[in-house]
Amino acid sequence: MGTTILGKQMSELGNVVDPTIAAIASAATINPTDIIHRITGNVTIGTITQPNPYFNGPIIFYNTDAAVGVWDTSGNIALGGTFTRFKNFSFIFDPVTSKWYPSAIS
């Protein structure tokens, strides 16, 4: 079977079967539903909700807005950073620490 997010198999997300990339407006808490999302706005993100209890990533975010946003450690993200325009940032969830770990910071 495999892992699903909102009823979709992981192999169906972010590829030719489901080619759309959903935008998420930046907010204190964001709720990703796919593996890849474009972040819009510049509200600080403090918490990333797990798509399901067994999902640990990666989740990839990128920003194309002129006013880029940031993420901080106020919630479940281990290290703060800035969404550099046109760069991808992946996050991995560690269930032991209950924190998301970014691939890099800017």
PDB file of N, CA and C in Angstrom:
ATOM      1  N   MET A   1       0.821  -1.182   0.000  1.00  0.00           N
ATOM      2  CA  MET A   1       0.000   0.000   0.000  1.00  0.00           C
ATOM      3  C   MET A   1       0.868   1.250   0.000  1.00  0.00           C
ATOM      4  N   GLY A   2       1.418   1.619   1.115  1.00  0.00           N
ATOM      5  CA  GLY A   2       2.221   2.823   1.183  1.00  0.00           C
ATOM      6  C   GLY A   2       1.544   3.910   1.985  1.00  0.00           C
ATOM      7  N   THR A   3       2.292   4.925   2.270  1.00  0.00           N
ATOM      8  CA  THR A   3       1.806   6.044   3.060  1.00  0.00           C
ATOM      9  C   THR A   3       0.893   6.922   2.233  1.00  0.00           C
ATOM     10  N   THR A   4      -0.163   7.431   2.857  1.00  0.00           N
ATOM     11  CA  THR A   4      -1.063   8.339   2.168  1.00  0.00           C
ATOM     12  C   THR A   4      -1.133   9.661   2.909  1.00  0.00           C
ATOM     13  N   ILE A   5      -1.422  10.706   2.159  1.00  0.00           N
ATOM     14  CA  ILE A   5      -1.711  12.022   2.714  1.00  0.00           C
ATOM     15  C   ILE A   5      -3.066  12.407   2.164  1.00  0.00           C
ATOM     16  N   LEU A   6      -4.029  12.615   3.042  1.00  0.00           N
ATOM     17  CA  LEU A   6      -5.384  12.978   2.642  1.00  0.00           C
ATOM     18  C   LEU A   6      -5.938  12.041   1.577  1.00  0.00           C
ATOM     19  N   GLY A   7      -5.666  10.744   1.751  1.00  0.00           N
ATOM     20  CA  GLY A   7      -6.210   9.754   0.849  1.00  0.00           C
ATOM     21  C   GLY A   7      -5.452   9.527  -0.438  1.00  0.00           C
ATOM     22  N   LYS A   8      -4.362  10.267  -0.672  1.00  0.00           N
ATOM     23  CA  LYS A   8      -3.564  10.083  -1.883  1.00  0.00           C
ATOM     24  C   LYS A   8      -2.315   9.292  -1.528  1.00  0.00           C
ATOM     25  N   GLN A   9      -1.939   8.374  -2.397  1.00  0.00           N
ATOM     26  CA  GLN A   9      -0.683   7.663  -2.213  1.00  0.00           C
ATOM     27  C   GLN A   9       0.468   8.651  -2.405  1.00  0.00           C
ATOM     28  N   MET A  10       1.546   8.470  -1.653  1.00  0.00           N
ATOM     29  CA  MET A  10       2.692   9.366  -1.779  1.00  0.00           C
ATOM     30  C   MET A  10       3.195   9.420  -3.216  1.00  0.00           C
ATOM     31  N   SER A  11       3.116   8.313  -3.940  1.00  0.00           N
ATOM     32  CA  SER A  11       3.576   8.293  -5.324  1.00  0.00           C
ATOM     33  C   SER A  11       2.708   9.147  -6.237  1.00  0.00           C
ATOM     34  N   GLU A  12       1.508   9.529  -5.791  1.00  0.00           N
ATOM     35  CA  GLU A  12       0.608  10.349  -6.602  1.00  0.00           C
ATOM     36  C   GLU A  12       0.800  11.840  -6.361  1.00  0.00           C
ATOM     37  N   LEU A  13       1.590  12.214  -5.369  1.00  0.00           N
ATOM     38  CA  LEU A  13       1.719  13.616  -4.996  1.00  0.00           C
ATOM     39  C   LEU A  13       2.891  14.276  -5.702  1.00  0.00           C
ATOM     40  N   GLY A  14       2.659  15.453  -6.257  1.00  0.00           N
ATOM     41  CA  GLY A  14       3.722  16.240  -6.841  1.00  0.00           C
ATOM     42  C   GLY A  14       4.375  15.612  -8.059  1.00  0.00           C
ATOM     43  N   ASN A  15       3.636  14.844  -8.852  1.00  0.00           N
ATOM     44  CA  ASN A  15       4.200  14.264 -10.064  1.00  0.00           C
ATOM     45  C   ASN A  15       3.176  14.366 -11.181  1.00  0.00           C
ATOM     46  N   VAL A  16       3.380  13.643 -12.258  1.00  0.00           N
ATOM     47  CA  VAL A  16       2.469  13.755 -13.407  1.00  0.00           C
ATOM     48  C   VAL A  16       1.059  13.291 -13.113  1.00  0.00           C
ATOM     49  N   VAL A  17       0.867  12.463 -12.091  1.00  0.00           N
ATOM     50  CA  VAL A  17      -0.480  12.040 -11.717  1.00  0.00           C
ATOM     51  C   VAL A  17      -1.223  13.194 -11.060  1.00  0.00           C
ATOM     52  N   ASP A  18      -0.520  13.975 -10.262  1.00  0.00           N
ATOM     53  CA  ASP A  18      -1.092  15.144  -9.585  1.00  0.00           C
ATOM     54  C   ASP A  18      -0.094  16.297  -9.744  1.00  0.00           C
ATOM     55  N   PRO A  19      -0.089  16.961 -10.911  1.00  0.00           N
ATOM     56  CA  PRO A  19       0.956  17.935 -11.207  1.00  0.00           C
ATOM     57  C   PRO A  19       0.795  19.300 -10.528  1.00  0.00           C
ATOM     58  N   THR A  20      -0.282  19.507  -9.813  1.00  0.00           N
ATOM     59  CA  THR A  20      -0.497  20.809  -9.202  1.00  0.00           C
ATOM     60  C   THR A  20       0.375  20.981  -7.964  1.00  0.00           C
ATOM     61  N   ILE A  21       0.783  22.201  -7.721  1.00  0.00           N
ATOM     62  CA  ILE A  21       1.502  22.551  -6.499  1.00  0.00           C
ATOM     63  C   ILE A  21       0.648  23.590  -5.792  1.00  0.00           C
ATOM     64  N   ALA A  22       0.140  23.214  -4.650  1.00  0.00           N
ATOM     65  CA  ALA A  22      -0.750  24.100  -3.906  1.00  0.00           C
ATOM     66  C   ALA A  22       0.050  25.184  -3.194  1.00  0.00           C
ATOM     67  N   ALA A  23      -0.534  26.365  -3.154  1.00  0.00           N
ATOM     68  CA  ALA A  23       0.059  27.465  -2.391  1.00  0.00           C
ATOM     69  C   ALA A  23      -0.508  27.437  -0.976  1.00  0.00           C
ATOM     70  N   ILE A  24       0.339  27.750  -0.017  1.00  0.00           N
ATOM     71  CA  ILE A  24      -0.088  27.897   1.373  1.00  0.00           C
ATOM     72  C   ILE A  24       0.238  29.318   1.798  1.00  0.00           C
ATOM     73  N   ALA A  25      -0.757  30.035   2.289  1.00  0.00           N
ATOM     74  CA  ALA A  25      -0.510  31.372   2.829  1.00  0.00           C
ATOM     75  C   ALA A  25       0.230  31.223   4.153  1.00  0.00           C
ATOM     76  N   SER A  26       1.293  31.984   4.311  1.00  0.00           N
ATOM     77  CA  SER A  26       2.046  31.899   5.560  1.00  0.00           C
ATOM     78  C   SER A  26       1.159  32.332   6.724  1.00  0.00           C
ATOM     79  N   ALA A  27       1.296  31.627   7.839  1.00  0.00           N
ATOM     80  CA  ALA A  27       0.518  31.876   9.047  1.00  0.00           C
ATOM     81  C   ALA A  27       1.297  31.297  10.217  1.00  0.00           C
ATOM     82  N   ALA A  28       0.861  31.560  11.423  1.00  0.00           N
ATOM     83  CA  ALA A  28       1.537  31.012  12.596  1.00  0.00           C
ATOM     84  C   ALA A  28       1.598  29.498  12.529  1.00  0.00           C
ATOM     85  N   THR A  29       0.536  28.863  12.018  1.00  0.00           N
ATOM     86  CA  THR A  29       0.490  27.414  11.816  1.00  0.00           C
ATOM     87  C   THR A  29       0.074  27.145  10.384  1.00  0.00           C
ATOM     88  N   ILE A  30       0.835  26.291   9.708  1.00  0.00           N
ATOM     89  CA  ILE A  30       0.460  25.900   8.352  1.00  0.00           C
ATOM     90  C   ILE A  30       0.167  24.402   8.336  1.00  0.00           C
ATOM     91  N   ASN A  31      -0.689  24.000   7.391  1.00  0.00           N
ATOM     92  CA  ASN A  31      -1.149  22.618   7.287  1.00  0.00           C
ATOM     93  C   ASN A  31      -0.864  22.079   5.889  1.00  0.00           C
ATOM     94  N   PRO A  32       0.343  21.573   5.639  1.00  0.00           N
ATOM     95  CA  PRO A  32       0.640  21.044   4.306  1.00  0.00           C
ATOM     96  C   PRO A  32      -0.186  19.801   3.993  1.00  0.00           C
ATOM     97  N   THR A  33      -0.553  19.677   2.724  1.00  0.00           N
ATOM     98  CA  THR A  33      -1.336  18.531   2.279  1.00  0.00           C
ATOM     99  C   THR A  33      -0.614  17.729   1.204  1.00  0.00           C
ATOM    100  N   ASP A  34       0.455  18.272   0.652  1.00  0.00           N
ATOM    101  CA  ASP A  34       1.250  17.605  -0.369  1.00  0.00           C
ATOM    102  C   ASP A  34       2.722  17.663   0.028  1.00  0.00           C
ATOM    103  N   ILE A  35       3.543  17.054  -0.766  1.00  0.00           N
ATOM    104  CA  ILE A  35       4.975  17.045  -0.489  1.00  0.00           C
ATOM    105  C   ILE A  35       5.607  18.388  -0.823  1.00  0.00           C
ATOM    106  N   ILE A  36       5.091  19.077  -1.839  1.00  0.00           N
ATOM    107  CA  ILE A  36       5.660  20.354  -2.275  1.00  0.00           C
ATOM    108  C   ILE A  36       4.589  21.431  -2.181  1.00  0.00           C
ATOM    109  N   HIS A  37       4.981  22.577  -1.612  1.00  0.00           N
ATOM    110  CA  HIS A  37       4.079  23.728  -1.511  1.00  0.00           C
ATOM    111  C   HIS A  37       4.837  25.016  -1.782  1.00  0.00           C
ATOM    112  N   ARG A  38       4.126  25.964  -2.410  1.00  0.00           N
ATOM    113  CA  ARG A  38       4.646  27.322  -2.546  1.00  0.00           C
ATOM    114  C   ARG A  38       4.080  28.126  -1.388  1.00  0.00           C
ATOM    115  N   ILE A  39       4.955  28.798  -0.652  1.00  0.00           N
ATOM    116  CA  ILE A  39       4.546  29.628   0.475  1.00  0.00           C
ATOM    117  C   ILE A  39       4.326  31.056  -0.022  1.00  0.00           C
ATOM    118  N   THR A  40       3.195  31.634   0.322  1.00  0.00           N
ATOM    119  CA  THR A  40       2.919  33.023  -0.046  1.00  0.00           C
ATOM    120  C   THR A  40       2.829  33.871   1.216  1.00  0.00           C
ATOM    121  N   GLY A  41       3.086  35.157   1.057  1.00  0.00           N
ATOM    122  CA  GLY A  41       2.984  36.081   2.189  1.00  0.00           C
ATOM    123  C   GLY A  41       4.237  36.106   3.032  1.00  0.00           C
ATOM    124  N   ASN A  42       4.182  36.913   4.088  1.00  0.00           N
ATOM    125  CA  ASN A  42       5.372  37.055   4.927  1.00  0.00           C
ATOM    126  C   ASN A  42       5.058  37.005   6.417  1.00  0.00           C
ATOM    127  N   VAL A  43       4.018  36.282   6.800  1.00  0.00           N
ATOM    128  CA  VAL A  43       3.715  36.047   8.212  1.00  0.00           C
ATOM    129  C   VAL A  43       4.673  34.960   8.712  1.00  0.00           C
ATOM    130  N   THR A  44       5.195  35.120   9.910  1.00  0.00           N
ATOM    131  CA  THR A  44       6.132  34.154  10.466  1.00  0.00           C
ATOM    132  C   THR A  44       5.437  32.820  10.740  1.00  0.00           C
ATOM    133  N   ILE A  45       6.038  31.733  10.243  1.00  0.00           N
ATOM    134  CA  ILE A  45       5.531  30.379  10.465  1.00  0.00           C
ATOM    135  C   ILE A  45       6.236  29.805  11.686  1.00  0.00           C
ATOM    136  N   GLY A  46       5.455  29.358  12.658  1.00  0.00           N
ATOM    137  CA  GLY A  46       6.021  28.765  13.866  1.00  0.00           C
ATOM    138  C   GLY A  46       5.744  27.282  14.001  1.00  0.00           C
ATOM    139  N   THR A  47       4.665  26.813  13.374  1.00  0.00           N
ATOM    140  CA  THR A  47       4.260  25.413  13.513  1.00  0.00           C
ATOM    141  C   THR A  47       3.865  24.848  12.156  1.00  0.00           C
ATOM    142  N   ILE A  48       4.355  23.647  11.879  1.00  0.00           N
ATOM    143  CA  ILE A  48       3.968  22.902  10.688  1.00  0.00           C
ATOM    144  C   ILE A  48       3.230  21.658  11.174  1.00  0.00           C
ATOM    145  N   THR A  49       1.984  21.516  10.775  1.00  0.00           N
ATOM    146  CA  THR A  49       1.184  20.359  11.160  1.00  0.00           C
ATOM    147  C   THR A  49       1.598  19.157  10.310  1.00  0.00           C
ATOM    148  N   GLN A  50       1.750  17.998  10.931  1.00  0.00           N
ATOM    149  CA  GLN A  50       2.037  16.774  10.176  1.00  0.00           C
ATOM    150  C   GLN A  50       0.827  16.423   9.314  1.00  0.00           C
ATOM    151  N   PRO A  51       1.038  16.073   8.047  1.00  0.00           N
ATOM    152  CA  PRO A  51      -0.086  15.661   7.203  1.00  0.00           C
ATOM    153  C   PRO A  51      -0.811  14.428   7.726  1.00  0.00           C
ATOM    154  N   ASN A  52      -0.090  13.519   8.362  1.00  0.00           N
ATOM    155  CA  ASN A  52      -0.698  12.389   9.054  1.00  0.00           C
ATOM    156  C   ASN A  52       0.265  11.962  10.160  1.00  0.00           C
ATOM    157  N   PRO A  53      -0.179  11.189  11.128  1.00  0.00           N
ATOM    158  CA  PRO A  53       0.664  10.866  12.282  1.00  0.00           C
ATOM    159  C   PRO A  53       1.927  10.078  11.959  1.00  0.00           C
ATOM    160  N   TYR A  54       2.001   9.463  10.792  1.00  0.00           N
ATOM    161  CA  TYR A  54       3.154   8.634  10.439  1.00  0.00           C
ATOM    162  C   TYR A  54       4.097   9.315   9.460  1.00  0.00           C
ATOM    163  N   PHE A  55       3.758  10.499   9.019  1.00  0.00           N
ATOM    164  CA  PHE A  55       4.569  11.200   8.010  1.00  0.00           C
ATOM    165  C   PHE A  55       5.739  11.915   8.676  1.00  0.00           C
ATOM    166  N   ASN A  56       6.947  11.721   8.133  1.00  0.00           N
ATOM    167  CA  ASN A  56       8.109  12.431   8.672  1.00  0.00           C
ATOM    168  C   ASN A  56       8.852  13.231   7.619  1.00  0.00           C
ATOM    169  N   GLY A  57       8.373  13.245   6.402  1.00  0.00           N
ATOM    170  CA  GLY A  57       8.955  14.101   5.385  1.00  0.00           C
ATOM    171  C   GLY A  57       9.615  13.303   4.284  1.00  0.00           C
ATOM    172  N   PRO A  58      10.248  14.000   3.406  1.00  0.00           N
ATOM    173  CA  PRO A  58      10.418  15.445   3.443  1.00  0.00           C
ATOM    174  C   PRO A  58       9.197  16.182   2.908  1.00  0.00           C
ATOM    175  N   ILE A  59       9.076  17.419   3.378  1.00  0.00           N
ATOM    176  CA  ILE A  59       8.148  18.381   2.803  1.00  0.00           C
ATOM    177  C   ILE A  59       9.019  19.501   2.254  1.00  0.00           C
ATOM    178  N   ILE A  60       8.703  19.936   1.048  1.00  0.00           N
ATOM    179  CA  ILE A  60       9.510  20.967   0.397  1.00  0.00           C
ATOM    180  C   ILE A  60       8.668  22.222   0.227  1.00  0.00           C
ATOM    181  N   PHE A  61       9.227  23.339   0.662  1.00  0.00           N
ATOM    182  CA  PHE A  61       8.588  24.647   0.516  1.00  0.00           C
ATOM    183  C   PHE A  61       9.477  25.553  -0.323  1.00  0.00           C
ATOM    184  N   TYR A  62       8.849  26.430  -1.085  1.00  0.00           N
ATOM    185  CA  TYR A  62       9.593  27.474  -1.789  1.00  0.00           C
ATOM    186  C   TYR A  62       8.729  28.712  -1.856  1.00  0.00           C
ATOM    187  N   ASN A  63       9.345  29.842  -2.137  1.00  0.00           N
ATOM    188  CA  ASN A  63       8.658  31.123  -2.151  1.00  0.00           C
ATOM    189  C   ASN A  63       9.038  31.869  -3.416  1.00  0.00           C
ATOM    190  N   THR A  64       8.048  32.469  -4.080  1.00  0.00           N
ATOM    191  CA  THR A  64       8.318  33.287  -5.269  1.00  0.00           C
ATOM    192  C   THR A  64       7.908  34.737  -5.057  1.00  0.00           C
ATOM    193  N   ASP A  65       7.394  35.059  -3.867  1.00  0.00           N
ATOM    194  CA  ASP A  65       6.965  36.429  -3.577  1.00  0.00           C
ATOM    195  C   ASP A  65       8.159  37.357  -3.404  1.00  0.00           C
ATOM    196  N   ALA A  66       7.955  38.623  -3.746  1.00  0.00           N
ATOM    197  CA  ALA A  66       9.002  39.622  -3.514  1.00  0.00           C
ATOM    198  C   ALA A  66       9.229  39.825  -2.021  1.00  0.00           C
ATOM    199  N   ALA A  67       8.145  39.772  -1.220  1.00  0.00           N
ATOM    200  CA  ALA A  67       8.247  39.903   0.241  1.00  0.00           C
ATOM    201  C   ALA A  67       8.275  38.501   0.828  1.00  0.00           C
ATOM    202  N   VAL A  68       9.472  37.981   1.059  1.00  0.00           N
ATOM    203  CA  VAL A  68       9.588  36.599   1.525  1.00  0.00           C
ATOM    204  C   VAL A  68       9.270  36.489   3.008  1.00  0.00           C
ATOM    205  N   GLY A  69       8.892  35.302   3.423  1.00  0.00           N
ATOM    206  CA  GLY A  69       8.545  35.051   4.814  1.00  0.00           C
ATOM    207  C   GLY A  69       9.664  34.364   5.572  1.00  0.00           C
ATOM    208  N   VAL A  70       9.385  34.108   6.839  1.00  0.00           N
ATOM    209  CA  VAL A  70      10.354  33.443   7.699  1.00  0.00           C
ATOM    210  C   VAL A  70       9.652  32.351   8.494  1.00  0.00           C
ATOM    211  N   TRP A  71      10.454  31.472   9.076  1.00  0.00           N
ATOM    212  CA  TRP A  71       9.946  30.512  10.052  1.00  0.00           C
ATOM    213  C   TRP A  71      10.800  30.658  11.297  1.00  0.00           C
ATOM    214  N   ASP A  72      10.203  30.359  12.457  1.00  0.00           N
ATOM    215  CA  ASP A  72      10.941  30.499  13.712  1.00  0.00           C
ATOM    216  C   ASP A  72      10.735  29.288  14.605  1.00  0.00           C
ATOM    217  N   THR A  73      11.248  29.366  15.808  1.00  0.00           N
ATOM    218  CA  THR A  73      11.225  28.231  16.730  1.00  0.00           C
ATOM    219  C   THR A  73      10.128  28.344  17.782  1.00  0.00           C
ATOM    220  N   SER A  74       9.120  29.174  17.540  1.00  0.00           N
ATOM    221  CA  SER A  74       8.052  29.371  18.528  1.00  0.00           C
ATOM    222  C   SER A  74       7.123  28.165  18.660  1.00  0.00           C
ATOM    223  N   GLY A  75       7.155  27.282  17.676  1.00  0.00           N
ATOM    224  CA  GLY A  75       6.290  26.091  17.703  1.00  0.00           C
ATOM    225  C   GLY A  75       7.104  24.822  17.610  1.00  0.00           C
ATOM    226  N   ASN A  76       6.923  24.079  16.510  1.00  0.00           N
ATOM    227  CA  ASN A  76       7.577  22.779  16.386  1.00  0.00           C
ATOM    228  C   ASN A  76       8.666  22.741  15.314  1.00  0.00           C
ATOM    229  N   ILE A  77       9.301  23.866  15.051  1.00  0.00           N
ATOM    230  CA  ILE A  77      10.408  23.928  14.098  1.00  0.00           C
ATOM    231  C   ILE A  77      11.693  24.149  14.900  1.00  0.00           C
ATOM    232  N   ALA A  78      12.702  23.319  14.646  1.00  0.00           N
ATOM    233  CA  ALA A  78      13.908  23.307  15.472  1.00  0.00           C
ATOM    234  C   ALA A  78      14.832  24.505  15.237  1.00  0.00           C
ATOM    235  N   LEU A  79      14.810  25.085  14.040  1.00  0.00           N
ATOM    236  CA  LEU A  79      15.762  26.140  13.694  1.00  0.00           C
ATOM    237  C   LEU A  79      15.063  27.172  12.829  1.00  0.00           C
ATOM    238  N   GLY A  80      15.205  28.447  13.158  1.00  0.00           N
ATOM    239  CA  GLY A  80      14.570  29.512  12.391  1.00  0.00           C
ATOM    240  C   GLY A  80      15.332  29.816  11.109  1.00  0.00           C
ATOM    241  N   GLY A  81      14.632  30.429  10.154  1.00  0.00           N
ATOM    242  CA  GLY A  81      15.266  30.797   8.890  1.00  0.00           C
ATOM    243  C   GLY A  81      14.363  31.661   8.037  1.00  0.00           C
ATOM    244  N   THR A  82      14.854  32.005   6.859  1.00  0.00           N
ATOM    245  CA  THR A  82      14.138  32.863   5.918  1.00  0.00           C
ATOM    246  C   THR A  82      13.941  32.132   4.603  1.00  0.00           C
ATOM    247  N   PHE A  83      12.753  32.253   4.049  1.00  0.00           N
ATOM    248  CA  PHE A  83      12.497  31.685   2.730  1.00  0.00           C
ATOM    249  C   PHE A  83      13.136  32.587   1.693  1.00  0.00           C
ATOM    250  N   THR A  84      14.320  32.235   1.258  1.00  0.00           N
ATOM    251  CA  THR A  84      14.985  32.979   0.206  1.00  0.00           C
ATOM    252  C   THR A  84      14.198  32.769  -1.083  1.00  0.00           C
ATOM    253  N   ARG A  85      13.916  33.842  -1.772  1.00  0.00           N
ATOM    254  CA  ARG A  85      13.110  33.772  -2.990  1.00  0.00           C
ATOM    255  C   ARG A  85      13.736  32.821  -4.010  1.00  0.00           C
ATOM    256  N   PHE A  86      12.905  31.954  -4.580  1.00  0.00           N
ATOM    257  CA  PHE A  86      13.253  31.000  -5.630  1.00  0.00           C
ATOM    258  C   PHE A  86      14.131  29.834  -5.157  1.00  0.00           C
ATOM    259  N   LYS A  87      14.285  29.627  -3.856  1.00  0.00           N
ATOM    260  CA  LYS A  87      15.051  28.488  -3.352  1.00  0.00           C
ATOM    261  C   LYS A  87      14.112  27.511  -2.667  1.00  0.00           C
ATOM    262  N   ASN A  88      14.458  26.230  -2.735  1.00  0.00           N
ATOM    263  CA  ASN A  88      13.684  25.179  -2.072  1.00  0.00           C
ATOM    264  C   ASN A  88      14.233  24.909  -0.684  1.00  0.00           C
ATOM    265  N   PHE A  89      13.325  24.689   0.255  1.00  0.00           N
ATOM    266  CA  PHE A  89      13.704  24.328   1.614  1.00  0.00           C
ATOM    267  C   PHE A  89      12.937  23.074   1.995  1.00  0.00           C
ATOM    268  N   SER A  90      13.660  22.024   2.358  1.00  0.00           N
ATOM    269  CA  SER A  90      12.981  20.804   2.778  1.00  0.00           C
ATOM    270  C   SER A  90      13.007  20.702   4.297  1.00  0.00           C
ATOM    271  N   PHE A  91      11.968  20.086   4.827  1.00  0.00           N
ATOM    272  CA  PHE A  91      11.821  19.900   6.269  1.00  0.00           C
ATOM    273  C   PHE A  91      11.558  18.425   6.542  1.00  0.00           C
ATOM    274  N   ILE A  92      12.234  17.894   7.544  1.00  0.00           N
ATOM    275  CA  ILE A  92      12.070  16.506   7.987  1.00  0.00           C
ATOM    276  C   ILE A  92      11.551  16.542   9.416  1.00  0.00           C
ATOM    277  N   PHE A  93      10.548  15.712   9.712  1.00  0.00           N
ATOM    278  CA  PHE A  93       9.970  15.651  11.054  1.00  0.00           C
ATOM    279  C   PHE A  93      10.582  14.507  11.843  1.00  0.00           C
ATOM    280  N   ASP A  94      11.036  14.791  13.065  1.00  0.00           N
ATOM    281  CA  ASP A  94      11.563  13.767  13.964  1.00  0.00           C
ATOM    282  C   ASP A  94      10.524  13.514  15.048  1.00  0.00           C
ATOM    283  N   PRO A  95       9.867  12.349  15.039  1.00  0.00           N
ATOM    284  CA  PRO A  95       8.824  12.079  16.028  1.00  0.00           C
ATOM    285  C   PRO A  95       9.359  11.979  17.461  1.00  0.00           C
ATOM    286  N   VAL A  96      10.637  11.708  17.634  1.00  0.00           N
ATOM    287  CA  VAL A  96      11.208  11.631  18.980  1.00  0.00           C
ATOM    288  C   VAL A  96      11.239  13.007  19.632  1.00  0.00           C
ATOM    289  N   THR A  97      11.623  14.023  18.863  1.00  0.00           N
ATOM    290  CA  THR A  97      11.699  15.390  19.404  1.00  0.00           C
ATOM    291  C   THR A  97      10.439  16.201  19.113  1.00  0.00           C
ATOM    292  N   SER A  98       9.565  15.682  18.236  1.00  0.00           N
ATOM    293  CA  SER A  98       8.360  16.395  17.777  1.00  0.00           C
ATOM    294  C   SER A  98       8.716  17.730  17.131  1.00  0.00           C
ATOM    295  N   LYS A  99       9.808  17.753  16.385  1.00  0.00           N
ATOM    296  CA  LYS A  99      10.273  18.968  15.709  1.00  0.00           C
ATOM    297  C   LYS A  99      10.515  18.701  14.228  1.00  0.00           C
ATOM    298  N   TRP A 100      10.301  19.754  13.421  1.00  0.00           N
ATOM    299  CA  TRP A 100      10.670  19.759  12.021  1.00  0.00           C
ATOM    300  C   TRP A 100      12.066  20.347  11.907  1.00  0.00           C
ATOM    301  N   TYR A 101      12.921  19.730  11.098  1.00  0.00           N
ATOM    302  CA  TYR A 101      14.281  20.191  10.911  1.00  0.00           C
ATOM    303  C   TYR A 101      14.460  20.648   9.453  1.00  0.00           C
ATOM    304  N   PRO A 102      14.819  21.924   9.252  1.00  0.00           N
ATOM    305  CA  PRO A 102      14.997  22.435   7.892  1.00  0.00           C
ATOM    306  C   PRO A 102      16.312  21.965   7.295  1.00  0.00           C
ATOM    307  N   SER A 103      16.340  21.893   5.965  1.00  0.00           N
ATOM    308  CA  SER A 103      17.544  21.468   5.253  1.00  0.00           C
ATOM    309  C   SER A 103      18.635  22.527   5.348  1.00  0.00           C
ATOM    310  N   ALA A 104      18.225  23.771   5.383  1.00  0.00           N
ATOM    311  CA  ALA A 104      19.195  24.868   5.407  1.00  0.00           C
ATOM    312  C   ALA A 104      18.487  26.116   5.915  1.00  0.00           C
ATOM    313  N   ILE A 105      19.263  27.079   6.282  1.00  0.00           N
ATOM    314  CA  ILE A 105      18.705  28.386   6.611  1.00  0.00           C
ATOM    315  C   ILE A 105      19.436  29.426   5.794  1.00  0.00           C
ATOM    316  N   SER A 106      18.831  30.581   5.645  1.00  0.00           N
ATOM    317  CA  SER A 106      19.492  31.621   4.863  1.00  0.00           C
ATOM    318  C   SER A 106      19.840  32.789   5.742  1.00  0.00           C
TER     319      SER A 106
END
